[in-house]
N, C-alpha and C. Protein backbone atom coordinates (compact mmCIF):
# COMPACT_ATOMS: atom_id res chain seq x y z
N MET A 1 -22.88 -19.12 5.53
CA MET A 1 -21.48 -19.04 5.19
C MET A 1 -20.68 -18.79 6.48
N THR A 2 -19.75 -19.71 6.78
CA THR A 2 -18.90 -19.51 7.92
C THR A 2 -17.59 -18.93 7.62
N ARG A 3 -16.93 -18.44 8.63
CA ARG A 3 -15.63 -17.78 8.46
C ARG A 3 -14.62 -18.81 7.85
N LEU A 4 -14.75 -20.04 8.16
CA LEU A 4 -13.73 -21.08 7.66
C LEU A 4 -14.01 -21.39 6.20
N THR A 5 -15.17 -21.08 5.68
CA THR A 5 -15.36 -21.48 4.26
C THR A 5 -15.48 -20.26 3.29
N ARG A 6 -15.30 -19.07 3.91
CA ARG A 6 -15.46 -17.85 3.05
C ARG A 6 -14.35 -17.84 1.99
N ARG A 7 -14.71 -17.46 0.79
CA ARG A 7 -13.79 -17.39 -0.31
C ARG A 7 -13.94 -16.09 -1.03
N GLY A 8 -12.84 -15.56 -1.54
CA GLY A 8 -12.88 -14.31 -2.28
C GLY A 8 -13.51 -14.59 -3.65
N ARG A 9 -13.68 -13.47 -4.42
CA ARG A 9 -14.30 -13.55 -5.73
C ARG A 9 -13.55 -14.43 -6.65
N ASN A 10 -12.25 -14.60 -6.54
CA ASN A 10 -11.43 -15.38 -7.40
C ASN A 10 -11.37 -16.86 -6.95
N GLY A 11 -12.11 -17.16 -5.87
CA GLY A 11 -12.15 -18.56 -5.43
C GLY A 11 -11.03 -18.94 -4.48
N LEU A 12 -10.12 -18.07 -4.24
CA LEU A 12 -9.04 -18.37 -3.22
C LEU A 12 -9.56 -18.36 -1.90
N ASN A 13 -9.03 -19.27 -1.01
CA ASN A 13 -9.46 -19.24 0.36
C ASN A 13 -8.80 -18.02 0.99
N ALA A 14 -9.59 -17.06 1.44
CA ALA A 14 -9.10 -15.82 2.00
C ALA A 14 -8.38 -16.03 3.37
N LEU A 15 -8.62 -17.17 3.97
CA LEU A 15 -7.97 -17.39 5.31
C LEU A 15 -6.68 -18.23 5.21
N ARG A 16 -6.37 -18.74 4.12
CA ARG A 16 -5.19 -19.53 3.93
C ARG A 16 -4.06 -18.55 3.78
N HIS A 17 -2.98 -18.72 4.68
CA HIS A 17 -1.86 -17.78 4.63
C HIS A 17 -1.00 -18.09 3.40
N THR A 18 -0.48 -17.01 2.87
CA THR A 18 0.45 -17.11 1.76
C THR A 18 1.83 -17.33 2.21
N GLU A 19 2.72 -17.64 1.35
CA GLU A 19 4.19 -17.84 1.74
C GLU A 19 4.75 -16.61 2.31
N TRP A 20 4.33 -15.43 1.92
CA TRP A 20 4.93 -14.19 2.33
C TRP A 20 4.15 -13.52 3.56
N CYS A 21 2.99 -14.13 3.90
CA CYS A 21 2.18 -13.55 5.00
C CYS A 21 2.88 -13.64 6.32
N ALA A 22 2.86 -12.54 7.09
CA ALA A 22 3.48 -12.45 8.35
C ALA A 22 2.65 -13.17 9.48
N GLY A 23 1.40 -13.39 9.22
CA GLY A 23 0.53 -14.10 10.13
C GLY A 23 0.27 -13.32 11.39
N GLY A 24 -0.21 -13.95 12.42
CA GLY A 24 -0.46 -13.39 13.68
C GLY A 24 -1.49 -12.24 13.66
N HIS A 25 -1.27 -11.20 14.42
CA HIS A 25 -2.23 -10.10 14.55
C HIS A 25 -2.31 -9.26 13.27
N ARG A 26 -1.37 -9.45 12.34
CA ARG A 26 -1.41 -8.63 11.10
C ARG A 26 -2.56 -9.11 10.13
N CYS A 27 -3.00 -10.34 10.32
CA CYS A 27 -4.06 -10.88 9.45
C CYS A 27 -5.37 -10.81 10.23
N ASN A 28 -6.36 -10.14 9.61
CA ASN A 28 -7.71 -10.13 10.20
C ASN A 28 -8.71 -9.87 9.08
N LEU A 29 -9.96 -10.28 9.29
CA LEU A 29 -10.98 -10.07 8.34
C LEU A 29 -10.66 -10.65 6.95
N GLY A 30 -9.92 -11.73 6.93
CA GLY A 30 -9.55 -12.35 5.68
C GLY A 30 -8.45 -11.73 4.89
N GLU A 31 -7.87 -10.68 5.51
CA GLU A 31 -6.71 -9.98 4.87
C GLU A 31 -5.41 -10.58 5.28
N HIS A 32 -4.45 -10.59 4.40
CA HIS A 32 -3.17 -11.10 4.74
C HIS A 32 -2.11 -10.01 4.45
N ARG A 33 -1.15 -9.88 5.41
CA ARG A 33 -0.18 -8.78 5.33
C ARG A 33 1.23 -9.27 5.55
N ALA A 34 2.16 -8.84 4.79
CA ALA A 34 3.54 -9.28 4.93
C ALA A 34 4.19 -8.34 6.00
N ASP A 35 5.33 -8.67 6.50
CA ASP A 35 6.10 -7.79 7.34
C ASP A 35 6.47 -6.65 6.40
N PRO A 36 6.48 -5.35 6.88
CA PRO A 36 6.79 -4.22 5.99
C PRO A 36 8.26 -4.21 5.72
N LEU A 37 8.55 -3.76 4.53
CA LEU A 37 9.92 -3.51 4.07
C LEU A 37 10.16 -2.09 4.41
N VAL A 38 11.26 -1.80 5.15
CA VAL A 38 11.59 -0.47 5.57
C VAL A 38 12.75 0.11 4.73
N VAL A 39 12.47 1.32 4.18
CA VAL A 39 13.53 1.97 3.42
C VAL A 39 13.80 3.29 4.11
N ASP A 40 14.99 3.39 4.72
CA ASP A 40 15.40 4.61 5.43
C ASP A 40 16.42 5.36 4.56
N VAL A 41 16.16 6.63 4.28
CA VAL A 41 17.10 7.48 3.58
C VAL A 41 17.54 8.55 4.61
N GLU A 42 18.69 8.41 5.12
CA GLU A 42 19.15 9.27 6.22
C GLU A 42 19.00 10.82 5.80
N GLY A 43 18.39 11.51 6.75
CA GLY A 43 18.18 12.93 6.58
C GLY A 43 17.08 13.26 5.67
N LEU A 44 16.42 12.36 4.97
CA LEU A 44 15.39 12.67 4.00
C LEU A 44 14.02 12.10 4.48
N GLY A 45 13.98 10.85 4.90
CA GLY A 45 12.76 10.21 5.30
C GLY A 45 12.78 8.74 5.35
N ARG A 46 11.59 8.20 5.38
CA ARG A 46 11.42 6.74 5.47
C ARG A 46 10.16 6.31 4.77
N ALA A 47 10.28 5.10 4.14
CA ALA A 47 9.08 4.52 3.49
C ALA A 47 8.89 3.10 4.04
N LEU A 48 7.71 2.69 4.27
CA LEU A 48 7.29 1.39 4.69
C LEU A 48 6.45 0.82 3.54
N LEU A 49 6.80 -0.33 3.03
CA LEU A 49 6.13 -1.00 1.94
C LEU A 49 5.61 -2.34 2.44
N THR A 50 4.27 -2.51 2.36
CA THR A 50 3.67 -3.75 2.85
C THR A 50 2.79 -4.41 1.78
N ARG A 51 3.07 -5.65 1.53
CA ARG A 51 2.26 -6.38 0.54
C ARG A 51 0.99 -6.90 1.32
N VAL A 52 -0.13 -6.73 0.63
CA VAL A 52 -1.42 -7.10 1.26
C VAL A 52 -2.24 -7.89 0.23
N ARG A 53 -2.92 -8.96 0.73
CA ARG A 53 -3.92 -9.66 -0.01
C ARG A 53 -5.22 -9.37 0.69
N ALA A 54 -6.16 -8.76 -0.04
CA ALA A 54 -7.51 -8.44 0.54
C ALA A 54 -8.36 -9.67 0.61
N ALA A 55 -9.48 -9.54 1.31
CA ALA A 55 -10.41 -10.66 1.44
C ALA A 55 -10.87 -11.15 0.11
N ASP A 56 -10.97 -10.27 -0.90
CA ASP A 56 -11.46 -10.68 -2.20
C ASP A 56 -10.40 -11.32 -3.07
N GLY A 57 -9.15 -11.46 -2.54
CA GLY A 57 -8.06 -12.09 -3.26
C GLY A 57 -7.17 -11.12 -4.03
N ARG A 58 -7.59 -9.92 -4.16
CA ARG A 58 -6.79 -8.89 -4.83
C ARG A 58 -5.58 -8.48 -3.97
N GLU A 59 -4.41 -8.37 -4.57
CA GLU A 59 -3.20 -7.96 -3.92
C GLU A 59 -2.84 -6.51 -4.24
N HIS A 60 -2.27 -5.85 -3.24
CA HIS A 60 -1.83 -4.50 -3.46
C HIS A 60 -0.63 -4.24 -2.58
N ALA A 61 0.03 -3.15 -2.75
CA ALA A 61 1.09 -2.63 -1.90
C ALA A 61 0.56 -1.50 -1.15
N GLU A 62 0.79 -1.48 0.12
CA GLU A 62 0.45 -0.41 0.98
C GLU A 62 1.72 0.41 1.31
N VAL A 63 1.74 1.64 1.06
CA VAL A 63 2.96 2.49 1.21
C VAL A 63 2.66 3.58 2.24
N THR A 64 3.56 3.66 3.27
CA THR A 64 3.50 4.70 4.25
C THR A 64 4.85 5.45 4.00
N LEU A 65 4.66 6.78 3.82
CA LEU A 65 5.92 7.62 3.56
C LEU A 65 6.02 8.70 4.52
N THR A 66 7.24 8.91 4.97
CA THR A 66 7.50 10.04 5.92
C THR A 66 8.66 10.80 5.21
N VAL A 67 8.36 12.05 4.99
CA VAL A 67 9.32 12.91 4.30
C VAL A 67 9.53 14.24 5.15
N ALA A 68 10.81 14.63 5.27
CA ALA A 68 11.14 15.85 5.96
C ALA A 68 10.65 17.08 5.11
N LEU A 69 9.97 17.99 5.71
CA LEU A 69 9.50 19.20 5.02
C LEU A 69 10.33 20.39 5.49
N ALA A 70 10.37 21.38 4.58
CA ALA A 70 11.01 22.63 4.92
C ALA A 70 10.31 23.35 6.01
N ALA A 71 10.99 24.15 6.79
CA ALA A 71 10.41 24.85 7.94
C ALA A 71 9.57 26.03 7.41
N ALA A 72 9.94 26.61 6.29
CA ALA A 72 9.17 27.79 5.67
C ALA A 72 7.97 27.28 4.92
N GLU A 73 6.81 27.78 5.24
CA GLU A 73 5.52 27.37 4.68
C GLU A 73 5.49 27.32 3.16
N PRO A 74 5.94 28.38 2.50
CA PRO A 74 5.80 28.27 0.99
C PRO A 74 6.60 27.13 0.40
N TYR A 75 7.75 26.81 1.00
CA TYR A 75 8.60 25.73 0.55
C TYR A 75 8.03 24.39 0.88
N ALA A 76 7.40 24.30 2.08
CA ALA A 76 6.78 23.02 2.47
C ALA A 76 5.57 22.69 1.55
N ARG A 77 4.83 23.73 1.26
CA ARG A 77 3.66 23.52 0.30
C ARG A 77 4.20 23.05 -1.07
N ARG A 78 5.23 23.62 -1.56
CA ARG A 78 5.81 23.25 -2.87
C ARG A 78 6.26 21.74 -2.80
N GLN A 79 6.93 21.45 -1.66
CA GLN A 79 7.41 20.08 -1.55
C GLN A 79 6.19 19.12 -1.58
N LEU A 80 5.10 19.44 -0.92
CA LEU A 80 3.89 18.56 -0.95
C LEU A 80 3.33 18.46 -2.34
N LEU A 81 3.27 19.52 -3.10
CA LEU A 81 2.84 19.43 -4.40
C LEU A 81 3.72 18.66 -5.30
N ASP A 82 5.00 18.82 -5.21
CA ASP A 82 5.92 17.93 -5.92
C ASP A 82 5.83 16.48 -5.56
N LEU A 83 5.63 16.20 -4.31
CA LEU A 83 5.51 14.84 -3.81
C LEU A 83 4.27 14.22 -4.39
N ALA A 84 3.12 14.96 -4.45
CA ALA A 84 1.88 14.37 -5.00
C ALA A 84 2.08 14.06 -6.46
N THR A 85 2.80 14.91 -7.16
CA THR A 85 3.08 14.68 -8.59
C THR A 85 3.92 13.44 -8.77
N ASP A 86 5.01 13.38 -7.98
CA ASP A 86 5.93 12.22 -8.02
C ASP A 86 5.23 10.92 -7.69
N LEU A 87 4.39 10.98 -6.66
CA LEU A 87 3.68 9.75 -6.28
C LEU A 87 2.73 9.26 -7.30
N THR A 88 2.05 10.18 -8.02
CA THR A 88 1.19 9.90 -9.13
C THR A 88 1.96 9.12 -10.20
N HIS A 89 3.16 9.66 -10.60
CA HIS A 89 4.01 8.97 -11.54
C HIS A 89 4.47 7.57 -11.07
N ALA A 90 4.82 7.54 -9.81
CA ALA A 90 5.29 6.24 -9.26
C ALA A 90 4.17 5.20 -9.30
N MET A 91 2.94 5.62 -8.97
CA MET A 91 1.83 4.70 -8.96
C MET A 91 1.49 4.25 -10.47
N GLU A 92 1.63 5.17 -11.35
CA GLU A 92 1.39 4.75 -12.72
C GLU A 92 2.39 3.78 -13.21
N ARG A 93 3.70 3.95 -12.87
CA ARG A 93 4.75 2.98 -13.29
C ARG A 93 4.49 1.65 -12.56
N ALA A 94 4.17 1.67 -11.29
CA ALA A 94 4.05 0.51 -10.46
C ALA A 94 2.83 -0.41 -10.88
N THR A 95 1.84 0.29 -11.48
CA THR A 95 0.59 -0.46 -11.78
C THR A 95 0.38 -0.82 -13.19
N ARG A 96 1.43 -0.64 -13.97
CA ARG A 96 1.26 -0.96 -15.43
C ARG A 96 0.75 -2.36 -15.81
N ALA A 97 1.09 -3.29 -14.95
CA ALA A 97 0.71 -4.69 -15.25
C ALA A 97 -0.60 -5.08 -14.61
N SER A 98 -1.19 -4.15 -13.81
CA SER A 98 -2.48 -4.52 -13.20
C SER A 98 -3.60 -3.61 -13.68
N VAL A 99 -4.81 -4.00 -13.51
CA VAL A 99 -5.94 -3.22 -13.81
C VAL A 99 -6.03 -2.09 -12.84
N ARG A 100 -6.15 -0.85 -13.40
CA ARG A 100 -6.24 0.32 -12.49
C ARG A 100 -7.35 1.29 -13.00
N PRO A 101 -7.95 1.99 -12.06
CA PRO A 101 -8.93 2.97 -12.43
C PRO A 101 -8.30 4.15 -13.16
N THR A 102 -9.04 4.85 -13.92
CA THR A 102 -8.55 6.07 -14.56
C THR A 102 -8.79 7.25 -13.65
N GLY A 103 -8.05 8.30 -13.87
CA GLY A 103 -8.22 9.48 -13.05
C GLY A 103 -6.98 9.83 -12.28
N GLY A 104 -6.98 10.98 -11.68
CA GLY A 104 -5.83 11.49 -11.01
C GLY A 104 -5.92 11.32 -9.46
N ILE A 105 -5.32 12.29 -8.79
CA ILE A 105 -5.35 12.27 -7.36
C ILE A 105 -6.71 12.69 -6.89
N ARG A 106 -7.17 12.01 -5.84
CA ARG A 106 -8.53 12.30 -5.30
C ARG A 106 -8.24 12.71 -3.79
N ASN A 107 -9.07 13.65 -3.36
CA ASN A 107 -9.07 14.00 -1.97
C ASN A 107 -10.02 13.15 -1.19
N GLY A 108 -9.62 12.80 0.04
CA GLY A 108 -10.48 12.12 0.89
C GLY A 108 -10.15 10.68 0.98
């Protein structure tokens, strides 16, 4: 099997760029990545959302989130706990139409 003929499980050519693929150095190992969508909320933080098609043809959103934390440790810990809870709810809403594993937040 050569790199030029490799196909994902769904039969899609993993190397053919999609309409939304940014191309260039962002694509490697059969993965395709869009340019990230940047969401800046002044004084609060920033989110980067990137659409990705894996080598097996499955698509997902990659999210990088930067949030300002309180200077006092107990408040920062509470913020992180609230953020984990809110992210769990956001992932549940965002994945309603796709197959998703069961279970909650995992460490590691």
